[in-house]
Amino acid sequence: MNIHYLISLVLIKILLTEIFFVLSVKILLNKSHLLANFFCQ
């Protein structure tokens, strides 16, 4: 196993996890914002 290969795999996994986390948080925030607007009317 090449160490650079392992490091790049770990970095890619971390990046994908962070992107997925940020996207899910944004979606949750958008949904809660829509729900708040709906209940405030």
C-alpha atoms as a PDB file:
ATOM      1  CA  MET A   1       0.000   0.000   0.000  1.00  0.00           C
ATOM      2  CA  ASN A   2       1.259   3.435  -0.948  1.00  0.00           C
ATOM      3  CA  ILE A   3       1.118   5.947   1.917  1.00  0.00           C
ATOM      4  CA  HIS A   4       0.249   8.851  -0.396  1.00  0.00           C
ATOM      5  CA  TYR A   5      -2.643   6.784  -1.748  1.00  0.00           C
ATOM      6  CA  LEU A   6      -3.949   6.124   1.774  1.00  0.00           C
ATOM      7  CA  ILE A   7      -3.617   9.792   2.755  1.00  0.00           C
ATOM      8  CA  SER A   8      -5.466  10.951  -0.353  1.00  0.00           C
ATOM      9  CA  LEU A   9      -8.228   8.407   0.316  1.00  0.00           C
ATOM     10  CA  VAL A  10      -8.638   9.688   3.871  1.00  0.00           C
ATOM     11  CA  LEU A  11      -8.659  13.306   2.693  1.00  0.00           C
ATOM     12  CA  ILE A  12     -11.277  12.575   0.031  1.00  0.00           C
ATOM     13  CA  LYS A  13     -13.424  10.764   2.598  1.00  0.00           C
ATOM     14  CA  ILE A  14     -13.177  13.704   5.008  1.00  0.00           C
ATOM     15  CA  LEU A  15     -14.032  16.188   2.243  1.00  0.00           C
ATOM     16  CA  LEU A  16     -17.042  14.159   1.116  1.00  0.00           C
ATOM     17  CA  THR A  17     -18.248  13.814   4.707  1.00  0.00           C
ATOM     18  CA  GLU A  18     -17.921  17.565   5.291  1.00  0.00           C
ATOM     19  CA  ILE A  19     -19.707  18.422   2.031  1.00  0.00           C
ATOM     20  CA  PHE A  20     -22.507  15.987   2.878  1.00  0.00           C
ATOM     21  CA  PHE A  21     -22.775  17.426   6.396  1.00  0.00           C
ATOM     22  CA  VAL A  22     -22.922  21.033   5.143  1.00  0.00           C
ATOM     23  CA  LEU A  23     -25.545  20.142   2.528  1.00  0.00           C
ATOM     24  CA  SER A  24     -27.747  18.310   5.018  1.00  0.00           C
ATOM     25  CA  VAL A  25     -27.474  21.209   7.493  1.00  0.00           C
ATOM     26  CA  LYS A  26     -28.458  23.690   4.762  1.00  0.00           C
ATOM     27  CA  ILE A  27     -31.421  21.522   3.764  1.00  0.00           C
ATOM     28  CA  LEU A  28     -32.514  21.220   7.399  1.00  0.00           C
ATOM     29  CA  LEU A  29     -32.207  24.979   7.873  1.00  0.00           C
ATOM     30  CA  ASN A  30     -34.248  25.615   4.716  1.00  0.00           C
ATOM     31  CA  LYS A  31     -36.956  23.178   5.843  1.00  0.00           C
ATOM     32  CA  SER A  32     -37.157  24.673   9.339  1.00  0.00           C
ATOM     33  CA  HIS A  33     -37.295  28.152   7.778  1.00  0.00           C
ATOM     34  CA  LEU A  34     -40.192  27.064   5.536  1.00  0.00           C
ATOM     35  CA  LEU A  35     -41.952  25.446   8.494  1.00  0.00           C
ATOM     36  CA  ALA A  36     -41.515  28.612  10.564  1.00  0.00           C
ATOM     37  CA  ASN A  37     -42.953  30.718   7.725  1.00  0.00           C
ATOM     38  CA  PHE A  38     -45.852  28.298   7.366  1.00  0.00           C
ATOM     39  CA  PHE A  39     -46.718  28.382  11.075  1.00  0.00           C
ATOM     40  CA  CYS A  40     -46.275  32.146  11.378  1.00  0.00           C
ATOM     41  CA  GLN A  41     -48.884  32.911   8.731  1.00  0.00           C
END
